[in-house]
Every structure is written in C-alpha cells, then in structure tokens.
C-alpha cells in the first residue's frame, strides 16, 4: 500500500519494486515522463480518448492496463460479496490472500493442497 498517488511516490514505489528494463504500462493519470531515464519501457494508455490498448512501434511493445484493472475489479467484488467491508489495518491481509488465490487459480481445487505443501 502506498500513501498517495503523487508522481514522486509512484516513481519511488516503481523504482523499489520493479526490475529495470521491465515494461510498465499506465493510464493517463501518470505523465509520460514519470520513468524517463530509469531504464523502463513505459507506455501510457489514454482511456479518456477510448484507448484501451496501445502498440508502441518504437519499442515494439503493446501497453494495456486491462489485466490490473480486472484484478482490482474482482478484488473489490470479492470484498463486497464476502466480507462486506475491510478495515485499513486488515486490508493487506485480505489483499495477500486474494493475490495468492489469483496467482494459483490454475490449480483449482488443488490450491489448498498447494498452500499446505508450502508450509
């Protein structure tokens, strides 16, 4: 969790958590120059003009935020339908559980066995 969405906070978070050289896709909230000169391939999708995916011919990368937006939509739906509300203190725990389930969804019913095996 980050305290705000100011450019300096977001930039510091990316620099701390994402490997240089990674492809980073953002929406128009963040300026194009946010990661300039930091070793990332950064592309912006402009939802305001109904752009959902963007192919950058210079870097030969397709940029999209659909996967992360889908993740957050499903997380919010999970909270509303299962937990009703989540306190700020417990949010990281619920999010960690949801991330685990999302990352291991290919296991289906074997997910619980995989969780036990990791202990």
PDB file of N, CA and C in Angstrom:
ATOM      1  N   UNK A   1       0.851  -1.181   0.000  1.00  0.00           N
ATOM      2  CA  UNK A   1       0.000   0.000   0.000  1.00  0.00           C
ATOM      3  C   UNK A   1       0.892   1.237   0.000  1.00  0.00           C
ATOM      4  N   UNK A   2       0.470   2.206  -0.780  1.00  0.00           N
ATOM      5  CA  UNK A   2       1.211   3.452  -0.841  1.00  0.00           C
ATOM      6  C   UNK A   2       0.339   4.576  -0.286  1.00  0.00           C
ATOM      7  N   UNK A   3       0.951   5.608   0.283  1.00  0.00           N
ATOM      8  CA  UNK A   3       0.179   6.644   0.963  1.00  0.00           C
ATOM      9  C   UNK A   3      -0.603   7.572   0.040  1.00  0.00           C
ATOM     10  N   UNK A   4      -0.142   7.754  -1.209  1.00  0.00           N
ATOM     11  CA  UNK A   4      -0.825   8.659  -2.134  1.00  0.00           C
ATOM     12  C   UNK A   4      -0.438   8.289  -3.563  1.00  0.00           C
ATOM     13  N   UNK A   5      -1.026   8.991  -4.520  1.00  0.00           N
ATOM     14  CA  UNK A   5      -0.732   8.689  -5.923  1.00  0.00           C
ATOM     15  C   UNK A   5       0.009   9.837  -6.602  1.00  0.00           C
ATOM     16  N   UNK A   6       0.769  10.585  -5.821  1.00  0.00           N
ATOM     17  CA  UNK A   6       1.596  11.633  -6.401  1.00  0.00           C
ATOM     18  C   UNK A   6       2.715  10.992  -7.218  1.00  0.00           C
ATOM     19  N   UNK A   7       3.143  11.690  -8.250  1.00  0.00           N
ATOM     20  CA  UNK A   7       4.154  11.149  -9.161  1.00  0.00           C
ATOM     21  C   UNK A   7       5.418  10.727  -8.420  1.00  0.00           C
ATOM     22  N   UNK A   8       5.874  11.513  -7.456  1.00  0.00           N
ATOM     23  CA  UNK A   8       7.119  11.160  -6.760  1.00  0.00           C
ATOM     24  C   UNK A   8       6.947   9.885  -5.936  1.00  0.00           C
ATOM     25  N   UNK A   9       5.772   9.675  -5.355  1.00  0.00           N
ATOM     26  CA  UNK A   9       5.504   8.457  -4.581  1.00  0.00           C
ATOM     27  C   UNK A   9       5.438   7.247  -5.496  1.00  0.00           C
ATOM     28  N   UNK A  10       4.709   7.388  -6.612  1.00  0.00           N
ATOM     29  CA  UNK A  10       4.583   6.281  -7.559  1.00  0.00           C
ATOM     30  C   UNK A  10       5.932   5.914  -8.164  1.00  0.00           C
ATOM     31  N   UNK A  11       6.713   6.927  -8.522  1.00  0.00           N
ATOM     32  CA  UNK A  11       8.035   6.677  -9.106  1.00  0.00           C
ATOM     33  C   UNK A  11       8.922   5.929  -8.116  1.00  0.00           C
ATOM     34  N   UNK A  12       8.940   6.364  -6.866  1.00  0.00           N
ATOM     35  CA  UNK A  12       9.757   5.703  -5.845  1.00  0.00           C
ATOM     36  C   UNK A  12       9.314   4.259  -5.646  1.00  0.00           C
ATOM     37  N   UNK A  13       8.013   4.013  -5.672  1.00  0.00           N
ATOM     38  CA  UNK A  13       7.484   2.657  -5.498  1.00  0.00           C
ATOM     39  C   UNK A  13       7.896   1.765  -6.660  1.00  0.00           C
ATOM     40  N   UNK A  14       7.808   2.281  -7.875  1.00  0.00           N
ATOM     41  CA  UNK A  14       8.221   1.504  -9.051  1.00  0.00           C
ATOM     42  C   UNK A  14       9.715   1.208  -8.983  1.00  0.00           C
ATOM     43  N   UNK A  15      10.522   2.214  -8.673  1.00  0.00           N
ATOM     44  CA  UNK A  15      11.969   2.013  -8.615  1.00  0.00           C
ATOM     45  C   UNK A  15      12.357   0.978  -7.564  1.00  0.00           C
ATOM     46  N   UNK A  16      11.592   0.903  -6.490  1.00  0.00           N
ATOM     47  CA  UNK A  16      11.899  -0.031  -5.404  1.00  0.00           C
ATOM     48  C   UNK A  16      11.428  -1.459  -5.710  1.00  0.00           C
ATOM     49  N   UNK A  17      10.376  -1.608  -6.512  1.00  0.00           N
ATOM     50  CA  UNK A  17       9.739  -2.918  -6.670  1.00  0.00           C
ATOM     51  C   UNK A  17       9.796  -3.540  -8.053  1.00  0.00           C
ATOM     52  N   UNK A  18      10.197  -2.790  -9.075  1.00  0.00           N
ATOM     53  CA  UNK A  18      10.155  -3.302 -10.447  1.00  0.00           C
ATOM     54  C   UNK A  18      11.566  -3.291 -11.024  1.00  0.00           C
ATOM     55  N   UNK A  19      11.934  -4.404 -11.656  1.00  0.00           N
ATOM     56  CA  UNK A  19      13.274  -4.520 -12.230  1.00  0.00           C
ATOM     57  C   UNK A  19      13.457  -3.554 -13.397  1.00  0.00           C
ATOM     58  N   UNK A  20      14.599  -2.870 -13.450  1.00  0.00           N
ATOM     59  CA  UNK A  20      14.886  -2.027 -14.614  1.00  0.00           C
ATOM     60  C   UNK A  20      14.835  -2.872 -15.890  1.00  0.00           C
ATOM     61  N   UNK A  21      14.345  -2.265 -16.954  1.00  0.00           N
ATOM     62  CA  UNK A  21      14.183  -2.980 -18.217  1.00  0.00           C
ATOM     63  C   UNK A  21      12.792  -3.560 -18.390  1.00  0.00           C
ATOM     64  N   UNK A  22      11.998  -3.562 -17.314  1.00  0.00           N
ATOM     65  CA  UNK A  22      10.631  -4.085 -17.382  1.00  0.00           C
ATOM     66  C   UNK A  22       9.743  -3.160 -18.201  1.00  0.00           C
ATOM     67  N   UNK A  23       8.695  -3.744 -18.764  1.00  0.00           N
ATOM     68  CA  UNK A  23       7.685  -2.966 -19.479  1.00  0.00           C
ATOM     69  C   UNK A  23       6.653  -2.516 -18.448  1.00  0.00           C
ATOM     70  N   UNK A  24       6.424  -1.216 -18.373  1.00  0.00           N
ATOM     71  CA  UNK A  24       5.469  -0.648 -17.427  1.00  0.00           C
ATOM     72  C   UNK A  24       4.386   0.075 -18.224  1.00  0.00           C
ATOM     73  N   UNK A  25       3.141  -0.330 -18.015  1.00  0.00           N
ATOM     74  CA  UNK A  25       2.011   0.300 -18.684  1.00  0.00           C
ATOM     75  C   UNK A  25       1.170   1.027 -17.649  1.00  0.00           C
ATOM     76  N   UNK A  26       0.815   2.270 -17.941  1.00  0.00           N
ATOM     77  CA  UNK A  26      -0.005   3.060 -17.037  1.00  0.00           C
ATOM     78  C   UNK A  26      -1.121   3.728 -17.816  1.00  0.00           C
ATOM     79  N   UNK A  27      -2.087   4.291 -17.082  1.00  0.00           N
ATOM     80  CA  UNK A  27      -3.103   5.086 -17.753  1.00  0.00           C
ATOM     81  C   UNK A  27      -2.661   6.544 -17.727  1.00  0.00           C
ATOM     82  N   UNK A  28      -3.512   7.430 -18.210  1.00  0.00           N
ATOM     83  CA  UNK A  28      -3.103   8.819 -18.375  1.00  0.00           C
ATOM     84  C   UNK A  28      -2.976   9.593 -17.064  1.00  0.00           C
ATOM     85  N   UNK A  29      -3.289   8.976 -15.943  1.00  0.00           N
ATOM     86  CA  UNK A  29      -3.109   9.650 -14.661  1.00  0.00           C
ATOM     87  C   UNK A  29      -1.658  10.059 -14.468  1.00  0.00           C
ATOM     88  N   UNK A  30      -0.764   9.227 -14.950  1.00  0.00           N
ATOM     89  CA  UNK A  30       0.668   9.451 -14.749  1.00  0.00           C
ATOM     90  C   UNK A  30       1.255  10.055 -16.013  1.00  0.00           C
ATOM     91  N   UNK A  31       2.139  11.031 -15.839  1.00  0.00           N
ATOM     92  CA  UNK A  31       2.753  11.662 -17.004  1.00  0.00           C
ATOM     93  C   UNK A  31       3.666  10.683 -17.731  1.00  0.00           C
ATOM     94  N   UNK A  32       3.839  10.897 -19.027  1.00  0.00           N
ATOM     95  CA  UNK A  32       4.695  10.028 -19.837  1.00  0.00           C
ATOM     96  C   UNK A  32       6.133  10.028 -19.342  1.00  0.00           C
ATOM     97  N   UNK A  33       6.584  11.116 -18.747  1.00  0.00           N
ATOM     98  CA  UNK A  33       7.966  11.230 -18.324  1.00  0.00           C
ATOM     99  C   UNK A  33       8.255  10.662 -16.948  1.00  0.00           C
ATOM    100  N   UNK A  34       7.279  10.008 -16.333  1.00  0.00           N
ATOM    101  CA  UNK A  34       7.439   9.520 -14.962  1.00  0.00           C
ATOM    102  C   UNK A  34       8.680   8.656 -14.785  1.00  0.00           C
ATOM    103  N   UNK A  35       8.924   7.740 -15.705  1.00  0.00           N
ATOM    104  CA  UNK A  35      10.039   6.797 -15.576  1.00  0.00           C
ATOM    105  C   UNK A  35      11.132   7.037 -16.610  1.00  0.00           C
ATOM    106  N   UNK A  36      11.097   8.190 -17.235  1.00  0.00           N
ATOM    107  CA  UNK A  36      12.093   8.504 -18.267  1.00  0.00           C
ATOM    108  C   UNK A  36      13.502   8.470 -17.676  1.00  0.00           C
ATOM    109  N   UNK A  37      14.386   7.784 -18.352  1.00  0.00           N
ATOM    110  CA  UNK A  37      15.777   7.725 -17.925  1.00  0.00           C
ATOM    111  C   UNK A  37      16.047   6.745 -16.808  1.00  0.00           C
ATOM    112  N   UNK A  38      15.048   5.948 -16.411  1.00  0.00           N
ATOM    113  CA  UNK A  38      15.231   4.998 -15.311  1.00  0.00           C
ATOM    114  C   UNK A  38      15.399   3.564 -15.786  1.00  0.00           C
ATOM    115  N   UNK A  39      15.441   3.339 -17.098  1.00  0.00           N
ATOM    116  CA  UNK A  39      15.670   2.001 -17.622  1.00  0.00           C
ATOM    117  C   UNK A  39      14.418   1.171 -17.817  1.00  0.00           C
ATOM    118  N   UNK A  40      13.254   1.809 -17.841  1.00  0.00           N
ATOM    119  CA  UNK A  40      11.998   1.088 -18.061  1.00  0.00           C
ATOM    120  C   UNK A  40      11.472   1.386 -19.457  1.00  0.00           C
ATOM    121  N   UNK A  41      10.680   0.471 -19.966  1.00  0.00           N
ATOM    122  CA  UNK A  41       9.937   0.722 -21.198  1.00  0.00           C
ATOM    123  C   UNK A  41       8.545   1.116 -20.724  1.00  0.00           C
ATOM    124  N   UNK A  42       8.227   2.399 -20.812  1.00  0.00           N
ATOM    125  CA  UNK A  42       6.985   2.930 -20.248  1.00  0.00           C
ATOM    126  C   UNK A  42       6.058   3.378 -21.353  1.00  0.00           C
ATOM    127  N   UNK A  43       4.823   2.914 -21.282  1.00  0.00           N
ATOM    128  CA  UNK A  43       3.811   3.336 -22.233  1.00  0.00           C
ATOM    129  C   UNK A  43       2.542   3.719 -21.510  1.00  0.00           C
ATOM    130  N   UNK A  44       1.814   4.663 -22.089  1.00  0.00           N
ATOM    131  CA  UNK A  44       0.595   5.174 -21.477  1.00  0.00           C
ATOM    132  C   UNK A  44      -0.600   4.856 -22.354  1.00  0.00           C
ATOM    133  N   UNK A  45      -1.645   4.327 -21.740  1.00  0.00           N
ATOM    134  CA  UNK A  45      -2.913   4.075 -22.408  1.00  0.00           C
ATOM    135  C   UNK A  45      -3.843   5.217 -22.018  1.00  0.00           C
ATOM    136  N   UNK A  46      -4.460   5.834 -23.009  1.00  0.00           N
ATOM    137  CA  UNK A  46      -5.299   7.013 -22.753  1.00  0.00           C
ATOM    138  C   UNK A  46      -6.781   6.628 -22.793  1.00  0.00           C
ATOM    139  N   UNK A  47      -7.307   6.266 -21.617  1.00  0.00           N
ATOM    140  CA  UNK A  47      -8.709   5.877 -21.533  1.00  0.00           C
ATOM    141  C   UNK A  47      -9.641   7.036 -21.874  1.00  0.00           C
ATOM    142  N   UNK A  48      -9.194   8.269 -21.629  1.00  0.00           N
ATOM    143  CA  UNK A  48     -10.019   9.451 -21.902  1.00  0.00           C
ATOM    144  C   UNK A  48     -10.417   9.575 -23.360  1.00  0.00           C
ATOM    145  N   UNK A  49      -9.612   9.010 -24.262  1.00  0.00           N
ATOM    146  CA  UNK A  49      -9.949   9.041 -25.693  1.00  0.00           C
ATOM    147  C   UNK A  49     -10.361   7.641 -26.179  1.00  0.00           C
ATOM    148  N   UNK A  50     -10.820   6.825 -25.221  1.00  0.00           N
ATOM    149  CA  UNK A  50     -11.304   5.462 -25.525  1.00  0.00           C
ATOM    150  C   UNK A  50     -10.210   4.555 -26.079  1.00  0.00           C
ATOM    151  N   UNK A  51      -8.997   4.738 -25.584  1.00  0.00           N
ATOM    152  CA  UNK A  51      -7.872   3.888 -25.978  1.00  0.00           C
ATOM    153  C   UNK A  51      -7.661   2.853 -24.877  1.00  0.00           C
ATOM    154  N   UNK A  52      -7.788   1.578 -25.181  1.00  0.00           N
ATOM    155  CA  UNK A  52      -7.691   0.513 -24.179  1.00  0.00           C
ATOM    156  C   UNK A  52      -6.392  -0.270 -24.315  1.00  0.00           C
ATOM    157  N   UNK A  53      -5.766  -0.163 -25.469  1.00  0.00           N
ATOM    158  CA  UNK A  53      -4.514  -0.847 -25.726  1.00  0.00           C
ATOM    159  C   UNK A  53      -3.716   0.036 -26.677  1.00  0.00           C
ATOM    160  N   UNK A  54      -2.413   0.042 -26.515  1.00  0.00           N
ATOM    161  CA  UNK A  54      -1.576   0.923 -27.329  1.00  0.00           C
ATOM    162  C   UNK A  54      -0.327   0.163 -27.754  1.00  0.00           C
ATOM    163  N   UNK A  55      -0.078   0.117 -29.052  1.00  0.00           N
ATOM    164  CA  UNK A  55       1.139  -0.513 -29.561  1.00  0.00           C
ATOM    165  C   UNK A  55       2.153   0.579 -29.870  1.00  0.00           C
ATOM    166  N   UNK A  56       3.318   0.490 -29.233  1.00  0.00           N
ATOM    167  CA  UNK A  56       4.387   1.463 -29.435  1.00  0.00           C
ATOM    168  C   UNK A  56       5.343   0.903 -30.484  1.00  0.00           C
ATOM    169  N   UNK A  57       5.324   1.471 -31.649  1.00  0.00           N
ATOM    170  CA  UNK A  57       6.160   0.985 -32.748  1.00  0.00           C
ATOM    171  C   UNK A  57       7.646   1.197 -32.481  1.00  0.00           C
ATOM    172  N   UNK A  58       7.974   2.201 -31.644  1.00  0.00           N
ATOM    173  CA  UNK A  58       9.383   2.458 -31.333  1.00  0.00           C
ATOM    174  C   UNK A  58       9.988   1.329 -30.503  1.00  0.00           C
ATOM    175  N   UNK A  59       9.231   0.840 -29.512  1.00  0.00           N
ATOM    176  CA  UNK A  59       9.747  -0.196 -28.617  1.00  0.00           C
ATOM    177  C   UNK A  59       9.209  -1.585 -28.950  1.00  0.00           C
ATOM    178  N   UNK A  60       8.247  -1.641 -29.866  1.00  0.00           N
ATOM    179  CA  UNK A  60       7.593  -2.896 -30.260  1.00  0.00           C
ATOM    180  C   UNK A  60       6.909  -3.579 -29.071  1.00  0.00           C
ATOM    181  N   UNK A  61       6.289  -2.773 -28.217  1.00  0.00           N
ATOM    182  CA  UNK A  61       5.586  -3.282 -27.036  1.00  0.00           C
ATOM    183  C   UNK A  61       4.126  -2.853 -27.094  1.00  0.00           C
ATOM    184  N   UNK A  62       3.248  -3.756 -26.671  1.00  0.00           N
ATOM    185  CA  UNK A  62       1.842  -3.418 -26.524  1.00  0.00           C
ATOM    186  C   UNK A  62       1.592  -3.056 -25.075  1.00  0.00           C
ATOM    187  N   UNK A  63       0.970  -1.926 -24.847  1.00  0.00           N
ATOM    188  CA  UNK A  63       0.675  -1.451 -23.497  1.00  0.00           C
ATOM    189  C   UNK A  63      -0.828  -1.537 -23.255  1.00  0.00           C
ATOM    190  N   UNK A  64      -1.177  -2.051 -22.098  1.00  0.00           N
ATOM    191  CA  UNK A  64      -2.573  -2.186 -21.700  1.00  0.00           C
ATOM    192  C   UNK A  64      -2.634  -2.246 -20.180  1.00  0.00           C
ATOM    193  N   UNK A  65      -3.716  -1.730 -19.624  1.00  0.00           N
ATOM    194  CA  UNK A  65      -3.918  -1.817 -18.177  1.00  0.00           C
ATOM    195  C   UNK A  65      -5.104  -2.711 -17.853  1.00  0.00           C
ATOM    196  N   UNK A  66      -5.605  -3.439 -18.835  1.00  0.00           N
ATOM    197  CA  UNK A  66      -6.805  -4.256 -18.642  1.00  0.00           C
ATOM    198  C   UNK A  66      -6.642  -5.325 -17.564  1.00  0.00           C
ATOM    199  N   UNK A  67      -5.497  -5.982 -17.507  1.00  0.00           N
ATOM    200  CA  UNK A  67      -5.304  -7.057 -16.525  1.00  0.00           C
ATOM    201  C   UNK A  67      -5.342  -6.537 -15.095  1.00  0.00           C
ATOM    202  N   UNK A  68      -4.649  -5.439 -14.819  1.00  0.00           N
ATOM    203  CA  UNK A  68      -4.629  -4.919 -13.458  1.00  0.00           C
ATOM    204  C   UNK A  68      -5.981  -4.325 -13.091  1.00  0.00           C
ATOM    205  N   UNK A  69      -6.662  -3.705 -14.046  1.00  0.00           N
ATOM    206  CA  UNK A  69      -7.995  -3.171 -13.759  1.00  0.00           C
ATOM    207  C   UNK A  69      -8.971  -4.298 -13.477  1.00  0.00           C
ATOM    208  N   UNK A  70      -8.838  -5.403 -14.184  1.00  0.00           N
ATOM    209  CA  UNK A  70      -9.680  -6.576 -13.930  1.00  0.00           C
ATOM    210  C   UNK A  70      -9.397  -7.147 -12.549  1.00  0.00           C
ATOM    211  N   UNK A  71      -8.112  -7.223 -12.164  1.00  0.00           N
ATOM    212  CA  UNK A  71      -7.734  -7.716 -10.846  1.00  0.00           C
ATOM    213  C   UNK A  71      -8.402  -6.894  -9.752  1.00  0.00           C
ATOM    214  N   UNK A  72      -8.302  -5.562  -9.839  1.00  0.00           N
ATOM    215  CA  UNK A  72      -8.884  -4.701  -8.804  1.00  0.00           C
ATOM    216  C   UNK A  72     -10.405  -4.804  -8.789  1.00  0.00           C
ATOM    217  N   UNK A  73     -11.015  -4.930  -9.959  1.00  0.00           N
ATOM    218  CA  UNK A  73     -12.466  -5.101 -10.008  1.00  0.00           C
ATOM    219  C   UNK A  73     -12.877  -6.379  -9.272  1.00  0.00           C
ATOM    220  N   UNK A  74     -12.183  -7.479  -9.550  1.00  0.00           N
ATOM    221  CA  UNK A  74     -12.502  -8.747  -8.888  1.00  0.00           C
ATOM    222  C   UNK A  74     -12.229  -8.691  -7.391  1.00  0.00           C
ATOM    223  N   UNK A  75     -11.152  -8.006  -6.986  1.00  0.00           N
ATOM    224  CA  UNK A  75     -10.857  -7.863  -5.559  1.00  0.00           C
ATOM    225  C   UNK A  75     -11.964  -7.083  -4.856  1.00  0.00           C
ATOM    226  N   UNK A  76     -12.378  -5.965  -5.440  1.00  0.00           N
ATOM    227  CA  UNK A  76     -13.444  -5.157  -4.835  1.00  0.00           C
ATOM    228  C   UNK A  76     -14.751  -5.944  -4.761  1.00  0.00           C
ATOM    229  N   UNK A  77     -15.059  -6.695  -5.809  1.00  0.00           N
ATOM    230  CA  UNK A  77     -16.264  -7.521  -5.805  1.00  0.00           C
ATOM    231  C   UNK A  77     -16.171  -8.578  -4.710  1.00  0.00           C
ATOM    232  N   UNK A  78     -15.003  -9.173  -4.539  1.00  0.00           N
ATOM    233  CA  UNK A  78     -14.799 -10.185  -3.500  1.00  0.00           C
ATOM    234  C   UNK A  78     -15.032  -9.593  -2.120  1.00  0.00           C
ATOM    235  N   UNK A  79     -14.513  -8.407  -1.888  1.00  0.00           N
ATOM    236  CA  UNK A  79     -14.702  -7.756  -0.584  1.00  0.00           C
ATOM    237  C   UNK A  79     -16.179  -7.467  -0.351  1.00  0.00           C
ATOM    238  N   UNK A  80     -16.845  -6.908  -1.353  1.00  0.00           N
ATOM    239  CA  UNK A  80     -18.268  -6.563  -1.197  1.00  0.00           C
ATOM    240  C   UNK A  80     -19.139  -7.791  -0.989  1.00  0.00           C
ATOM    241  N   UNK A  81     -18.825  -8.873  -1.680  1.00  0.00           N
ATOM    242  CA  UNK A  81     -19.700 -10.041  -1.612  1.00  0.00           C
ATOM    243  C   UNK A  81     -19.370 -10.985  -0.464  1.00  0.00           C
ATOM    244  N   UNK A  82     -18.127 -10.972   0.015  1.00  0.00           N
ATOM    245  CA  UNK A  82     -17.720 -11.909   1.052  1.00  0.00           C
ATOM    246  C   UNK A  82     -17.545 -11.248   2.406  1.00  0.00           C
ATOM    247  N   UNK A  83     -16.893 -10.117   2.426  1.00  0.00           N
ATOM    248  CA  UNK A  83     -16.504  -9.501   3.693  1.00  0.00           C
ATOM    249  C   UNK A  83     -17.281  -8.234   4.023  1.00  0.00           C
ATOM    250  N   UNK A  84     -18.096  -7.744   3.133  1.00  0.00           N
ATOM    251  CA  UNK A  84     -18.861  -6.516   3.263  1.00  0.00           C
ATOM    252  C   UNK A  84     -17.948  -5.293   3.311  1.00  0.00           C
ATOM    253  N   UNK A  85     -17.045  -5.245   4.279  1.00  0.00           N
ATOM    254  CA  UNK A  85     -16.055  -4.168   4.326  1.00  0.00           C
ATOM    255  C   UNK A  85     -14.781  -4.695   4.961  1.00  0.00           C
ATOM    256  N   UNK A  86     -13.709  -3.990   4.723  1.00  0.00           N
ATOM    257  CA  UNK A  86     -12.408  -4.396   5.246  1.00  0.00           C
ATOM    258  C   UNK A  86     -11.780  -3.176   5.900  1.00  0.00           C
ATOM    259  N   UNK A  87     -11.247  -3.350   7.096  1.00  0.00           N
ATOM    260  CA  UNK A  87     -10.580  -2.233   7.768  1.00  0.00           C
ATOM    261  C   UNK A  87      -9.238  -1.964   7.097  1.00  0.00           C
ATOM    262  N   UNK A  88      -8.754  -0.755   7.250  1.00  0.00           N
ATOM    263  CA  UNK A  88      -7.467  -0.364   6.677  1.00  0.00           C
ATOM    264  C   UNK A  88      -6.350  -1.255   7.219  1.00  0.00           C
ATOM    265  N   UNK A  89      -6.437  -1.632   8.498  1.00  0.00           N
ATOM    266  CA  UNK A  89      -5.394  -2.471   9.110  1.00  0.00           C
ATOM    267  C   UNK A  89      -5.368  -3.877   8.520  1.00  0.00           C
ATOM    268  N   UNK A  90      -6.547  -4.415   8.172  1.00  0.00           N
ATOM    269  CA  UNK A  90      -6.644  -5.791   7.656  1.00  0.00           C
ATOM    270  C   UNK A  90      -6.533  -5.878   6.144  1.00  0.00           C
ATOM    271  N   UNK A  91      -6.608  -4.735   5.462  1.00  0.00           N
ATOM    272  CA  UNK A  91      -6.575  -4.744   4.003  1.00  0.00           C
ATOM    273  C   UNK A  91      -5.378  -5.492   3.426  1.00  0.00           C
ATOM    274  N   UNK A  92      -4.151  -5.308   3.944  1.00  0.00           N
ATOM    275  CA  UNK A  92      -3.018  -6.054   3.375  1.00  0.00           C
ATOM    276  C   UNK A  92      -3.189  -7.573   3.481  1.00  0.00           C
ATOM    277  N   UNK A  93      -3.836  -8.047   4.548  1.00  0.00           N
ATOM    278  CA  UNK A  93      -4.058  -9.494   4.699  1.00  0.00           C
ATOM    279  C   UNK A  93      -5.059 -10.019   3.674  1.00  0.00           C
ATOM    280  N   UNK A  94      -6.170  -9.296   3.505  1.00  0.00           N
ATOM    281  CA  UNK A  94      -7.157  -9.706   2.507  1.00  0.00           C
ATOM    282  C   UNK A  94      -6.557  -9.645   1.100  1.00  0.00           C
ATOM    283  N   UNK A  95      -5.769  -8.622   0.843  1.00  0.00           N
ATOM    284  CA  UNK A  95      -5.147  -8.484  -0.466  1.00  0.00           C
ATOM    285  C   UNK A  95      -4.129  -9.594  -0.715  1.00  0.00           C
ATOM    286  N   UNK A  96      -3.358  -9.957   0.310  1.00  0.00           N
ATOM    287  CA  UNK A  96      -2.391 -11.051   0.167  1.00  0.00           C
ATOM    288  C   UNK A  96      -3.100 -12.366  -0.138  1.00  0.00           C
ATOM    289  N   UNK A  97      -4.223 -12.615   0.546  1.00  0.00           N
ATOM    290  CA  UNK A  97      -4.995 -13.832   0.271  1.00  0.00           C
ATOM    291  C   UNK A  97      -5.522 -13.817  -1.160  1.00  0.00           C
ATOM    292  N   UNK A  98      -6.055 -12.676  -1.591  1.00  0.00           N
ATOM    293  CA  UNK A  98      -6.612 -12.584  -2.932  1.00  0.00           C
ATOM    294  C   UNK A  98      -5.511 -12.754  -3.985  1.00  0.00           C
ATOM    295  N   UNK A  99      -4.340 -12.171  -3.734  1.00  0.00           N
ATOM    296  CA  UNK A  99      -3.210 -12.338  -4.659  1.00  0.00           C
ATOM    297  C   UNK A  99      -2.809 -13.807  -4.762  1.00  0.00           C
ATOM    298  N   UNK A 100      -2.758 -14.487  -3.622  1.00  0.00           N
ATOM    299  CA  UNK A 100      -2.403 -15.898  -3.623  1.00  0.00           C
ATOM    300  C   UNK A 100      -3.408 -16.691  -4.464  1.00  0.00           C
ATOM    301  N   UNK A 101      -4.689 -16.452  -4.216  1.00  0.00           N
ATOM    302  CA  UNK A 101      -5.717 -17.185  -4.967  1.00  0.00           C
ATOM    303  C   UNK A 101      -5.660 -16.855  -6.452  1.00  0.00           C
ATOM    304  N   UNK A 102      -5.404 -15.599  -6.777  1.00  0.00           N
ATOM    305  CA  UNK A 102      -5.324 -15.207  -8.177  1.00  0.00           C
ATOM    306  C   UNK A 102      -4.112 -15.837  -8.863  1.00  0.00           C
ATOM    307  N   UNK A 103      -2.974 -15.838  -8.176  1.00  0.00           N
ATOM    308  CA  UNK A 103      -1.756 -16.400  -8.756  1.00  0.00           C
ATOM    309  C   UNK A 103      -1.780 -17.917  -8.858  1.00  0.00           C
ATOM    310  N   UNK A 104      -2.613 -18.571  -8.078  1.00  0.00           N
ATOM    311  CA  UNK A 104      -2.686 -20.030  -8.074  1.00  0.00           C
ATOM    312  C   UNK A 104      -4.012 -20.559  -8.602  1.00  0.00           C
ATOM    313  N   UNK A 105      -4.757 -19.739  -9.310  1.00  0.00           N
ATOM    314  CA  UNK A 105      -6.087 -20.137  -9.789  1.00  0.00           C
ATOM    315  C   UNK A 105      -6.044 -21.321 -10.743  1.00  0.00           C
ATOM    316  N   UNK A 106      -4.911 -21.563 -11.409  1.00  0.00           N
ATOM    317  CA  UNK A 106      -4.816 -22.690 -12.331  1.00  0.00           C
ATOM    318  C   UNK A 106      -4.890 -24.026 -11.592  1.00  0.00           C
ATOM    319  N   UNK A 107      -4.612 -24.018 -10.287  1.00  0.00           N
ATOM    320  CA  UNK A 107      -4.671 -25.257  -9.507  1.00  0.00           C
ATOM    321  C   UNK A 107      -6.098 -25.689  -9.198  1.00  0.00           C
ATOM    322  N   UNK A 108      -7.043 -24.756  -9.280  1.00  0.00           N
ATOM    323  CA  UNK A 108      -8.430 -25.097  -8.977  1.00  0.00           C
ATOM    324  C   UNK A 108      -8.570 -25.668  -7.581  1.00  0.00           C
ATOM    325  N   UNK A 109      -9.123 -26.870  -7.473  1.00  0.00           N
ATOM    326  CA  UNK A 109      -9.352 -27.496  -6.175  1.00  0.00           C
ATOM    327  C   UNK A 109      -8.063 -27.915  -5.474  1.00  0.00           C
ATOM    328  N   UNK A 110      -6.963 -27.977  -6.195  1.00  0.00           N
ATOM    329  CA  UNK A 110      -5.688 -28.361  -5.592  1.00  0.00           C
ATOM    330  C   UNK A 110      -4.980 -27.189  -4.914  1.00  0.00           C
ATOM    331  N   UNK A 111      -5.591 -25.995  -4.987  1.00  0.00           N
ATOM    332  CA  UNK A 111      -4.964 -24.809  -4.400  1.00  0.00           C
ATOM    333  C   UNK A 111      -4.717 -24.992  -2.893  1.00  0.00           C
ATOM    334  N   UNK A 112      -5.667 -25.590  -2.188  1.00  0.00           N
ATOM    335  CA  UNK A 112      -5.498 -25.791  -0.745  1.00  0.00           C
ATOM    336  C   UNK A 112      -4.336 -26.731  -0.493  1.00  0.00           C
ATOM    337  N   UNK A 113      -4.208 -27.812  -1.269  1.00  0.00           N
ATOM    338  CA  UNK A 113      -3.075 -28.728  -1.126  1.00  0.00           C
ATOM    339  C   UNK A 113      -1.752 -28.009  -1.388  1.00  0.00           C
ATOM    340  N   UNK A 114      -1.730 -27.121  -2.391  1.00  0.00           N
ATOM    341  CA  UNK A 114      -0.519 -26.353  -2.690  1.00  0.00           C
ATOM    342  C   UNK A 114      -0.163 -25.425  -1.535  1.00  0.00           C
ATOM    343  N   UNK A 115      -1.186 -24.843  -0.921  1.00  0.00           N
ATOM    344  CA  UNK A 115      -0.947 -23.976   0.225  1.00  0.00           C
ATOM    345  C   UNK A 115      -0.338 -24.765   1.387  1.00  0.00           C
ATOM    346  N   UNK A 116      -0.882 -25.941   1.678  1.00  0.00           N
ATOM    347  CA  UNK A 116      -0.344 -26.778   2.756  1.00  0.00           C
ATOM    348  C   UNK A 116       1.069 -27.240   2.452  1.00  0.00           C
ATOM    349  N   UNK A 117       1.336 -27.557   1.202  1.00  0.00           N
ATOM    350  CA  UNK A 117       2.661 -28.028   0.826  1.00  0.00           C
ATOM    351  C   UNK A 117       3.723 -26.935   0.987  1.00  0.00           C
ATOM    352  N   UNK A 118       3.286 -25.679   0.893  1.00  0.00           N
ATOM    353  CA  UNK A 118       4.250 -24.575   1.008  1.00  0.00           C
ATOM    354  C   UNK A 118       4.610 -24.263   2.454  1.00  0.00           C
ATOM    355  N   UNK A 119       3.916 -24.852   3.425  1.00  0.00           N
ATOM    356  CA  UNK A 119       4.202 -24.585   4.839  1.00  0.00           C
ATOM    357  C   UNK A 119       5.396 -25.355   5.336  1.00  0.00           C
TER     358      UNK A 119
END
